[in-house]
Amino acid sequence: FCYALKAGAGDAVAAAARDRALELAQEIIDELADDSTINGAVLVSRVRSFSEENGLSDEGRFCQIEIQVEAEAILSE
């Protein structure tokens, strides 16, 4: 999950929260593109799905992005 919360209300605050959450999610996507083995922890990985939720909390506007990563590994016994 990537989560961003911005204090306040309104469209501009919601957009700022969404922009920040997308920046964080992009960091994960870029890292997997640069190193699909996740530093040798798996054979290969890729982003499987991506979902976004926007809302209002007592503290302000939030955006939560869920990224599902599919990974293939060899497990030792």
PDB file of N, CA and C in Angstrom:
ATOM      1  N   PHE A   1       0.828  -1.184   0.000  1.00  0.00           N
ATOM      2  CA  PHE A   1       0.000   0.000   0.000  1.00  0.00           C
ATOM      3  C   PHE A   1       0.872   1.247   0.000  1.00  0.00           C
ATOM      4  N   CYS A   2       0.430   2.252  -0.699  1.00  0.00           N
ATOM      5  CA  CYS A   2       0.970   3.601  -0.605  1.00  0.00           C
ATOM      6  C   CYS A   2      -0.182   4.470  -0.130  1.00  0.00           C
ATOM      7  N   TYR A   3       0.084   5.304   0.842  1.00  0.00           N
ATOM      8  CA  TYR A   3      -0.975   6.098   1.444  1.00  0.00           C
ATOM      9  C   TYR A   3      -0.482   7.523   1.618  1.00  0.00           C
ATOM     10  N   ALA A   4      -1.294   8.471   1.192  1.00  0.00           N
ATOM     11  CA  ALA A   4      -0.966   9.884   1.383  1.00  0.00           C
ATOM     12  C   ALA A   4      -2.173  10.577   1.986  1.00  0.00           C
ATOM     13  N   LEU A   5      -1.913  11.431   2.969  1.00  0.00           N
ATOM     14  CA  LEU A   5      -2.955  12.188   3.649  1.00  0.00           C
ATOM     15  C   LEU A   5      -2.563  13.651   3.628  1.00  0.00           C
ATOM     16  N   LYS A   6      -3.463  14.493   3.194  1.00  0.00           N
ATOM     17  CA  LYS A   6      -3.239  15.941   3.181  1.00  0.00           C
ATOM     18  C   LYS A   6      -4.334  16.605   4.001  1.00  0.00           C
ATOM     19  N   ALA A   7      -3.925  17.493   4.885  1.00  0.00           N
ATOM     20  CA  ALA A   7      -4.889  18.207   5.724  1.00  0.00           C
ATOM     21  C   ALA A   7      -5.724  19.150   4.876  1.00  0.00           C
ATOM     22  N   GLY A   8      -7.005  19.258   5.224  1.00  0.00           N
ATOM     23  CA  GLY A   8      -7.890  20.176   4.520  1.00  0.00           C
ATOM     24  C   GLY A   8      -8.974  19.444   3.763  1.00  0.00           C
ATOM     25  N   ALA A   9      -9.665  20.190   2.918  1.00  0.00           N
ATOM     26  CA  ALA A   9     -10.755  19.642   2.127  1.00  0.00           C
ATOM     27  C   ALA A   9     -10.743  20.296   0.754  1.00  0.00           C
ATOM     28  N   GLY A  10     -11.524  19.764  -0.130  1.00  0.00           N
ATOM     29  CA  GLY A  10     -11.638  20.345  -1.456  1.00  0.00           C
ATOM     30  C   GLY A  10     -10.858  19.590  -2.510  1.00  0.00           C
ATOM     31  N   ASP A  11     -11.121  19.968  -3.751  1.00  0.00           N
ATOM     32  CA  ASP A  11     -10.514  19.282  -4.884  1.00  0.00           C
ATOM     33  C   ASP A  11      -9.001  19.436  -4.942  1.00  0.00           C
ATOM     34  N   ALA A  12      -8.484  20.615  -4.608  1.00  0.00           N
ATOM     35  CA  ALA A  12      -7.035  20.838  -4.665  1.00  0.00           C
ATOM     36  C   ALA A  12      -6.305  19.972  -3.650  1.00  0.00           C
ATOM     37  N   VAL A  13      -6.871  19.828  -2.472  1.00  0.00           N
ATOM     38  CA  VAL A  13      -6.254  18.985  -1.430  1.00  0.00           C
ATOM     39  C   VAL A  13      -6.324  17.518  -1.849  1.00  0.00           C
ATOM     40  N   ALA A  14      -7.467  17.104  -2.397  1.00  0.00           N
ATOM     41  CA  ALA A  14      -7.613  15.728  -2.872  1.00  0.00           C
ATOM     42  C   ALA A  14      -6.605  15.429  -3.978  1.00  0.00           C
ATOM     43  N   ALA A  15      -6.423  16.372  -4.886  1.00  0.00           N
ATOM     44  CA  ALA A  15      -5.455  16.190  -5.972  1.00  0.00           C
ATOM     45  C   ALA A  15      -4.036  16.091  -5.442  1.00  0.00           C
ATOM     46  N   ALA A  16      -3.713  16.871  -4.421  1.00  0.00           N
ATOM     47  CA  ALA A  16      -2.369  16.823  -3.825  1.00  0.00           C
ATOM     48  C   ALA A  16      -2.125  15.468  -3.159  1.00  0.00           C
ATOM     49  N   ALA A  17      -3.127  14.946  -2.464  1.00  0.00           N
ATOM     50  CA  ALA A  17      -2.993  13.629  -1.842  1.00  0.00           C
ATOM     51  C   ALA A  17      -2.817  12.557  -2.907  1.00  0.00           C
ATOM     52  N   ARG A  18      -3.591  12.639  -3.964  1.00  0.00           N
ATOM     53  CA  ARG A  18      -3.495  11.657  -5.052  1.00  0.00           C
ATOM     54  C   ARG A  18      -2.138  11.742  -5.745  1.00  0.00           C
ATOM     55  N   ASP A  19      -1.678  12.941  -6.017  1.00  0.00           N
ATOM     56  CA  ASP A  19      -0.371  13.110  -6.663  1.00  0.00           C
ATOM     57  C   ASP A  19       0.737  12.492  -5.827  1.00  0.00           C
ATOM     58  N   ARG A  20       0.701  12.719  -4.504  1.00  0.00           N
ATOM     59  CA  ARG A  20       1.751  12.172  -3.633  1.00  0.00           C
ATOM     60  C   ARG A  20       1.688  10.653  -3.580  1.00  0.00           C
ATOM     61  N   ALA A  21       0.492  10.082  -3.473  1.00  0.00           N
ATOM     62  CA  ALA A  21       0.361   8.631  -3.452  1.00  0.00           C
ATOM     63  C   ALA A  21       0.844   8.019  -4.766  1.00  0.00           C
ATOM     64  N   LEU A  22       0.533   8.674  -5.875  1.00  0.00           N
ATOM     65  CA  LEU A  22       1.001   8.175  -7.174  1.00  0.00           C
ATOM     66  C   LEU A  22       2.524   8.258  -7.293  1.00  0.00           C
ATOM     67  N   GLU A  23       3.130   9.298  -6.736  1.00  0.00           N
ATOM     68  CA  GLU A  23       4.591   9.398  -6.733  1.00  0.00           C
ATOM     69  C   GLU A  23       5.206   8.235  -5.966  1.00  0.00           C
ATOM     70  N   LEU A  24       4.646   7.905  -4.818  1.00  0.00           N
ATOM     71  CA  LEU A  24       5.145   6.783  -4.023  1.00  0.00           C
ATOM     72  C   LEU A  24       4.973   5.461  -4.764  1.00  0.00           C
ATOM     73  N   ALA A  25       3.814   5.265  -5.378  1.00  0.00           N
ATOM     74  CA  ALA A  25       3.565   4.042  -6.134  1.00  0.00           C
ATOM     75  C   ALA A  25       4.520   3.925  -7.316  1.00  0.00           C
ATOM     76  N   GLN A  26       4.800   5.037  -7.954  1.00  0.00           N
ATOM     77  CA  GLN A  26       5.708   5.018  -9.098  1.00  0.00           C
ATOM     78  C   GLN A  26       7.115   4.599  -8.681  1.00  0.00           C
ATOM     79  N   GLU A  27       7.521   4.965  -7.471  1.00  0.00           N
ATOM     80  CA  GLU A  27       8.820   4.533  -6.952  1.00  0.00           C
ATOM     81  C   GLU A  27       8.909   3.009  -6.891  1.00  0.00           C
ATOM     82  N   ILE A  28       7.837   2.382  -6.440  1.00  0.00           N
ATOM     83  CA  ILE A  28       7.805   0.919  -6.367  1.00  0.00           C
ATOM     84  C   ILE A  28       7.849   0.317  -7.762  1.00  0.00           C
ATOM     85  N   ILE A  29       7.041   0.846  -8.656  1.00  0.00           N
ATOM     86  CA  ILE A  29       6.994   0.343 -10.030  1.00  0.00           C
ATOM     87  C   ILE A  29       8.354   0.509 -10.707  1.00  0.00           C
ATOM     88  N   ASP A  30       8.989   1.659 -10.516  1.00  0.00           N
ATOM     89  CA  ASP A  30      10.307   1.899 -11.109  1.00  0.00           C
ATOM     90  C   ASP A  30      11.356   0.946 -10.537  1.00  0.00           C
ATOM     91  N   GLU A  31      11.294   0.696  -9.246  1.00  0.00           N
ATOM     92  CA  GLU A  31      12.260  -0.207  -8.616  1.00  0.00           C
ATOM     93  C   GLU A  31      12.124  -1.613  -9.170  1.00  0.00           C
ATOM     94  N   LEU A  32      10.899  -2.087  -9.350  1.00  0.00           N
ATOM     95  CA  LEU A  32      10.695  -3.410  -9.927  1.00  0.00           C
ATOM     96  C   LEU A  32      11.143  -3.458 -11.382  1.00  0.00           C
ATOM     97  N   ALA A  33      10.987  -2.371 -12.100  1.00  0.00           N
ATOM     98  CA  ALA A  33      11.445  -2.317 -13.491  1.00  0.00           C
ATOM     99  C   ALA A  33      12.968  -2.376 -13.552  1.00  0.00           C
ATOM    100  N   ASP A  34      13.638  -1.724 -12.595  1.00  0.00           N
ATOM    101  CA  ASP A  34      15.101  -1.724 -12.556  1.00  0.00           C
ATOM    102  C   ASP A  34      15.674  -3.038 -12.037  1.00  0.00           C
ATOM    103  N   ASP A  35      14.969  -3.690 -11.112  1.00  0.00           N
ATOM    104  CA  ASP A  35      15.460  -4.925 -10.496  1.00  0.00           C
ATOM    105  C   ASP A  35      14.294  -5.862 -10.227  1.00  0.00           C
ATOM    106  N   SER A  36      13.910  -6.634 -11.226  1.00  0.00           N
ATOM    107  CA  SER A  36      12.759  -7.529 -11.075  1.00  0.00           C
ATOM    108  C   SER A  36      13.040  -8.706 -10.151  1.00  0.00           C
ATOM    109  N   THR A  37      14.302  -8.885  -9.727  1.00  0.00           N
ATOM    110  CA  THR A  37      14.620  -9.955  -8.779  1.00  0.00           C
ATOM    111  C   THR A  37      14.490  -9.487  -7.328  1.00  0.00           C
ATOM    112  N   ILE A  38      14.139  -8.234  -7.127  1.00  0.00           N
ATOM    113  CA  ILE A  38      14.024  -7.624  -5.797  1.00  0.00           C
ATOM    114  C   ILE A  38      15.280  -7.928  -4.981  1.00  0.00           C
ATOM    115  N   ASN A  39      16.400  -7.470  -5.539  1.00  0.00           N
ATOM    116  CA  ASN A  39      17.714  -7.638  -4.918  1.00  0.00           C
ATOM    117  C   ASN A  39      18.062  -9.107  -4.689  1.00  0.00           C
ATOM    118  N   GLY A  40      17.676  -9.958  -5.638  1.00  0.00           N
ATOM    119  CA  GLY A  40      18.020 -11.371  -5.575  1.00  0.00           C
ATOM    120  C   GLY A  40      17.095 -12.210  -4.709  1.00  0.00           C
ATOM    121  N   ALA A  41      16.036 -11.634  -4.164  1.00  0.00           N
ATOM    122  CA  ALA A  41      15.133 -12.372  -3.286  1.00  0.00           C
ATOM    123  C   ALA A  41      14.211 -13.315  -4.064  1.00  0.00           C
ATOM    124  N   VAL A  42      13.932 -12.996  -5.327  1.00  0.00           N
ATOM    125  CA  VAL A  42      13.062 -13.820  -6.159  1.00  0.00           C
ATOM    126  C   VAL A  42      13.684 -13.951  -7.551  1.00  0.00           C
ATOM    127  N   LEU A  43      13.154 -14.878  -8.333  1.00  0.00           N
ATOM    128  CA  LEU A  43      13.647 -15.049  -9.706  1.00  0.00           C
ATOM    129  C   LEU A  43      13.179 -13.904 -10.587  1.00  0.00           C
ATOM    130  N   VAL A  44      11.906 -13.575 -10.471  1.00  0.00           N
ATOM    131  CA  VAL A  44      11.334 -12.494 -11.275  1.00  0.00           C
ATOM    132  C   VAL A  44      10.068 -11.991 -10.591  1.00  0.00           C
ATOM    133  N   SER A  45       9.792 -10.709 -10.764  1.00  0.00           N
ATOM    134  CA  SER A  45       8.562 -10.136 -10.216  1.00  0.00           C
ATOM    135  C   SER A  45       8.002  -9.139 -11.221  1.00  0.00           C
ATOM    136  N   ARG A  46       6.715  -8.841 -11.046  1.00  0.00           N
ATOM    137  CA  ARG A  46       6.072  -7.839 -11.884  1.00  0.00           C
ATOM    138  C   ARG A  46       4.841  -7.319 -11.160  1.00  0.00           C
ATOM    139  N   VAL A  47       4.432  -6.118 -11.520  1.00  0.00           N
ATOM    140  CA  VAL A  47       3.205  -5.549 -10.976  1.00  0.00           C
ATOM    141  C   VAL A  47       2.042  -6.286 -11.609  1.00  0.00           C
ATOM    142  N   ARG A  48       1.185  -6.835 -10.769  1.00  0.00           N
ATOM    143  CA  ARG A  48       0.043  -7.613 -11.256  1.00  0.00           C
ATOM    144  C   ARG A  48      -1.196  -6.748 -11.375  1.00  0.00           C
ATOM    145  N   SER A  49      -1.450  -5.917 -10.374  1.00  0.00           N
ATOM    146  CA  SER A  49      -2.608  -5.042 -10.432  1.00  0.00           C
ATOM    147  C   SER A  49      -2.369  -3.799  -9.587  1.00  0.00           C
ATOM    148  N   PHE A  50      -3.227  -2.829  -9.782  1.00  0.00           N
ATOM    149  CA  PHE A  50      -3.051  -1.506  -9.201  1.00  0.00           C
ATOM    150  C   PHE A  50      -4.447  -0.956  -8.949  1.00  0.00           C
ATOM    151  N   SER A  51      -4.752  -0.585  -7.710  1.00  0.00           N
ATOM    152  CA  SER A  51      -6.053   0.015  -7.436  1.00  0.00           C
ATOM    153  C   SER A  51      -5.880   1.263  -6.579  1.00  0.00           C
ATOM    154  N   GLU A  52      -6.826   2.158  -6.695  1.00  0.00           N
ATOM    155  CA  GLU A  52      -6.738   3.457  -6.020  1.00  0.00           C
ATOM    156  C   GLU A  52      -8.040   3.733  -5.274  1.00  0.00           C
ATOM    157  N   GLU A  53      -7.907   4.246  -4.051  1.00  0.00           N
ATOM    158  CA  GLU A  53      -9.065   4.660  -3.261  1.00  0.00           C
ATOM    159  C   GLU A  53      -8.823   6.075  -2.760  1.00  0.00           C
ATOM    160  N   ASN A  54      -9.779   6.944  -2.963  1.00  0.00           N
ATOM    161  CA  ASN A  54      -9.691   8.324  -2.500  1.00  0.00           C
ATOM    162  C   ASN A  54     -10.818   8.562  -1.517  1.00  0.00           C
ATOM    163  N   GLY A  55     -10.535   9.394  -0.498  1.00  0.00           N
ATOM    164  CA  GLY A  55     -11.593   9.650   0.465  1.00  0.00           C
ATOM    165  C   GLY A  55     -11.280  10.801   1.397  1.00  0.00           C
ATOM    166  N   LEU A  56     -12.162  10.963   2.353  1.00  0.00           N
ATOM    167  CA  LEU A  56     -12.085  12.033   3.334  1.00  0.00           C
ATOM    168  C   LEU A  56     -12.055  11.404   4.716  1.00  0.00           C
ATOM    169  N   SER A  57     -11.107  11.819   5.538  1.00  0.00           N
ATOM    170  CA  SER A  57     -11.038  11.363   6.921  1.00  0.00           C
ATOM    171  C   SER A  57     -11.150  12.570   7.842  1.00  0.00           C
ATOM    172  N   ASP A  58     -11.106  12.341   9.145  1.00  0.00           N
ATOM    173  CA  ASP A  58     -11.158  13.446  10.103  1.00  0.00           C
ATOM    174  C   ASP A  58      -9.952  14.376   9.956  1.00  0.00           C
ATOM    175  N   GLU A  59      -8.843  13.846   9.445  1.00  0.00           N
ATOM    176  CA  GLU A  59      -7.616  14.626   9.299  1.00  0.00           C
ATOM    177  C   GLU A  59      -7.486  15.338   7.962  1.00  0.00           C
ATOM    178  N   GLY A  60      -8.276  14.976   6.990  1.00  0.00           N
ATOM    179  CA  GLY A  60      -8.189  15.600   5.674  1.00  0.00           C
ATOM    180  C   GLY A  60      -8.544  14.634   4.565  1.00  0.00           C
ATOM    181  N   ARG A  61      -7.980  14.867   3.378  1.00  0.00           N
ATOM    182  CA  ARG A  61      -8.216  14.008   2.212  1.00  0.00           C
ATOM    183  C   ARG A  61      -7.100  12.986   2.106  1.00  0.00           C
ATOM    184  N   PHE A  62      -7.451  11.775   1.671  1.00  0.00           N
ATOM    185  CA  PHE A  62      -6.432  10.734   1.528  1.00  0.00           C
ATOM    186  C   PHE A  62      -6.561  10.040   0.178  1.00  0.00           C
ATOM    187  N   CYS A  63      -5.471   9.438  -0.197  1.00  0.00           N
ATOM    188  CA  CYS A  63      -5.441   8.565  -1.367  1.00  0.00           C
ATOM    189  C   CYS A  63      -4.619   7.344  -0.976  1.00  0.00           C
ATOM    190  N   GLN A  64      -5.190   6.182  -1.196  1.00  0.00           N
ATOM    191  CA  GLN A  64      -4.489   4.927  -0.913  1.00  0.00           C
ATOM    192  C   GLN A  64      -4.381   4.138  -2.206  1.00  0.00           C
ATOM    193  N   ILE A  65      -3.188   3.693  -2.504  1.00  0.00           N
ATOM    194  CA  ILE A  65      -2.960   2.898  -3.708  1.00  0.00           C
ATOM    195  C   ILE A  65      -2.455   1.527  -3.286  1.00  0.00           C
ATOM    196  N   GLU A  66      -3.114   0.506  -3.792  1.00  0.00           N
ATOM    197  CA  GLU A  66      -2.706  -0.867  -3.530  1.00  0.00           C
ATOM    198  C   GLU A  66      -2.062  -1.419  -4.791  1.00  0.00           C
ATOM    199  N   ILE A  67      -0.866  -1.929  -4.638  1.00  0.00           N
ATOM    200  CA  ILE A  67      -0.147  -2.535  -5.750  1.00  0.00           C
ATOM    201  C   ILE A  67       0.067  -4.005  -5.413  1.00  0.00           C
ATOM    202  N   GLN A  68      -0.427  -4.886  -6.255  1.00  0.00           N
ATOM    203  CA  GLN A  68      -0.170  -6.310  -6.067  1.00  0.00           C
ATOM    204  C   GLN A  68       0.996  -6.699  -6.958  1.00  0.00           C
ATOM    205  N   VAL A  69       1.979  -7.330  -6.344  1.00  0.00           N
ATOM    206  CA  VAL A  69       3.181  -7.748  -7.052  1.00  0.00           C
ATOM    207  C   VAL A  69       3.188  -9.268  -7.132  1.00  0.00           C
ATOM    208  N   GLU A  70       3.376  -9.771  -8.323  1.00  0.00           N
ATOM    209  CA  GLU A  70       3.498 -11.218  -8.545  1.00  0.00           C
ATOM    210  C   GLU A  70       4.977 -11.548  -8.596  1.00  0.00           C
ATOM    211  N   ALA A  71       5.389 -12.542  -7.848  1.00  0.00           N
ATOM    212  CA  ALA A  71       6.811 -12.907  -7.819  1.00  0.00           C
ATOM    213  C   ALA A  71       6.958 -14.425  -7.931  1.00  0.00           C
ATOM    214  N   GLU A  72       8.019 -14.831  -8.597  1.00  0.00           N
ATOM    215  CA  GLU A  72       8.345 -16.254  -8.744  1.00  0.00           C
ATOM    216  C   GLU A  72       9.651 -16.501  -8.012  1.00  0.00           C
ATOM    217  N   ALA A  73       9.652 -17.517  -7.169  1.00  0.00           N
ATOM    218  CA  ALA A  73      10.852 -17.828  -6.395  1.00  0.00           C
ATOM    219  C   ALA A  73      11.003 -19.334  -6.256  1.00  0.00           C
ATOM    220  N   ILE A  74      12.207 -19.744  -5.925  1.00  0.00           N
ATOM    221  CA  ILE A  74      12.478 -21.143  -5.592  1.00  0.00           C
ATOM    222  C   ILE A  74      12.646 -21.194  -4.077  1.00  0.00           C
ATOM    223  N   LEU A  75      11.799 -22.004  -3.449  1.00  0.00           N
ATOM    224  CA  LEU A  75      11.859 -22.130  -2.002  1.00  0.00           C
ATOM    225  C   LEU A  75      12.675 -23.362  -1.641  1.00  0.00           C
ATOM    226  N   SER A  76      13.592 -23.209  -0.715  1.00  0.00           N
ATOM    227  CA  SER A  76      14.377 -24.363  -0.275  1.00  0.00           C
ATOM    228  C   SER A  76      13.651 -25.075   0.855  1.00  0.00           C
ATOM    229  N   GLU A  77      13.941 -26.343   0.974  1.00  0.00           N
ATOM    230  CA  GLU A  77      13.283 -27.144   2.024  1.00  0.00           C
ATOM    231  C   GLU A  77      14.110 -27.183   3.271  1.00  0.00           C
TER     232      GLU A  77
END
